[in-house]
């Protein structure tokens, strides 16, 4: 069973600083020293689709757009 480690303890260990220093930063910026769940976002990513026929005769390197 995995025990839960406080956020301030994990930050302190990772940054190599005292826990009191981490708490001071939280207090200075008005941050609660807890892990909050991810917030829902209104952004939705949709994959763009291109209609048409595929061709192996696309533009090659060094070839002008006009096909010349």
Protein backbone atom coordinates (compact mmCIF):
# COMPACT_ATOMS: atom_id res chain seq x y z
CA UNK A 1 0.00 0.00 0.00
CA UNK A 2 1.36 3.40 -1.01
CA UNK A 3 1.22 6.16 1.59
CA UNK A 4 0.34 9.70 0.56
CA UNK A 5 3.19 12.19 0.89
CA UNK A 6 2.37 15.86 1.42
CA UNK A 7 2.90 18.13 -1.57
CA UNK A 8 5.24 20.40 0.38
CA UNK A 9 7.37 17.38 1.34
CA UNK A 10 7.63 16.21 -2.27
CA UNK A 11 8.59 19.70 -3.48
CA UNK A 12 11.11 20.06 -0.67
CA UNK A 13 12.75 16.73 -1.50
CA UNK A 14 12.82 17.38 -5.26
CA UNK A 15 14.16 20.95 -4.94
CA UNK A 16 16.59 20.16 -2.13
CA UNK A 17 15.28 22.89 0.18
CA UNK A 18 13.77 22.96 3.65
CA UNK A 19 10.04 22.36 4.06
CA UNK A 20 9.72 25.72 5.81
CA UNK A 21 11.03 27.45 2.68
CA UNK A 22 8.38 25.70 0.58
CA UNK A 23 5.67 26.70 3.07
CA UNK A 24 6.90 30.32 2.97
CA UNK A 25 6.54 30.39 -0.83
CA UNK A 26 3.02 28.94 -0.61
CA UNK A 27 2.09 31.58 1.95
CA UNK A 28 3.70 34.42 -0.03
CA UNK A 29 1.73 33.55 -3.18
CA UNK A 30 -1.48 32.60 -1.36
CA UNK A 31 -1.40 28.99 -2.59
CA UNK A 32 -2.97 26.15 -0.63
CA UNK A 33 -0.41 23.38 0.03
CA UNK A 34 -2.66 20.64 -1.39
CA UNK A 35 -2.88 18.80 -4.68
CA UNK A 36 -6.03 19.82 -6.51
CA UNK A 37 -7.59 17.65 -9.20
CA UNK A 38 -7.34 18.68 -12.84
CA UNK A 39 -9.93 21.25 -13.83
CA UNK A 40 -12.20 20.71 -16.79
CA UNK A 41 -11.34 22.83 -19.82
CA UNK A 42 -13.61 24.18 -22.51
CA UNK A 43 -11.04 23.48 -25.24
CA UNK A 44 -11.88 20.66 -27.64
CA UNK A 45 -9.40 19.47 -30.25
CA UNK A 46 -10.84 18.12 -33.49
CA UNK A 47 -8.75 16.39 -36.13
CA UNK A 48 -8.98 18.26 -39.42
CA UNK A 49 -9.96 16.18 -42.44
CA UNK A 50 -9.12 16.89 -46.06
CA UNK A 51 -11.53 15.74 -48.75
CA UNK A 52 -10.27 14.61 -52.15
CA UNK A 53 -8.29 11.91 -53.85
CA UNK A 54 -4.83 10.86 -52.78
CA UNK A 55 -2.12 11.02 -55.38
CA UNK A 56 1.44 9.74 -55.54
CA UNK A 57 2.16 12.57 -58.00
CA UNK A 58 2.35 15.35 -55.43
CA UNK A 59 4.93 18.11 -55.47
CA UNK A 60 8.47 16.85 -55.43
CA UNK A 61 11.45 18.71 -54.01
CA UNK A 62 12.59 21.37 -56.42
CA UNK A 63 9.44 21.22 -58.53
CA UNK A 64 7.46 24.43 -59.02
CA UNK A 65 3.81 24.61 -58.00
CA UNK A 66 2.77 24.84 -61.66
CA UNK A 67 4.25 21.44 -62.45
CA UNK A 68 7.04 22.84 -64.62
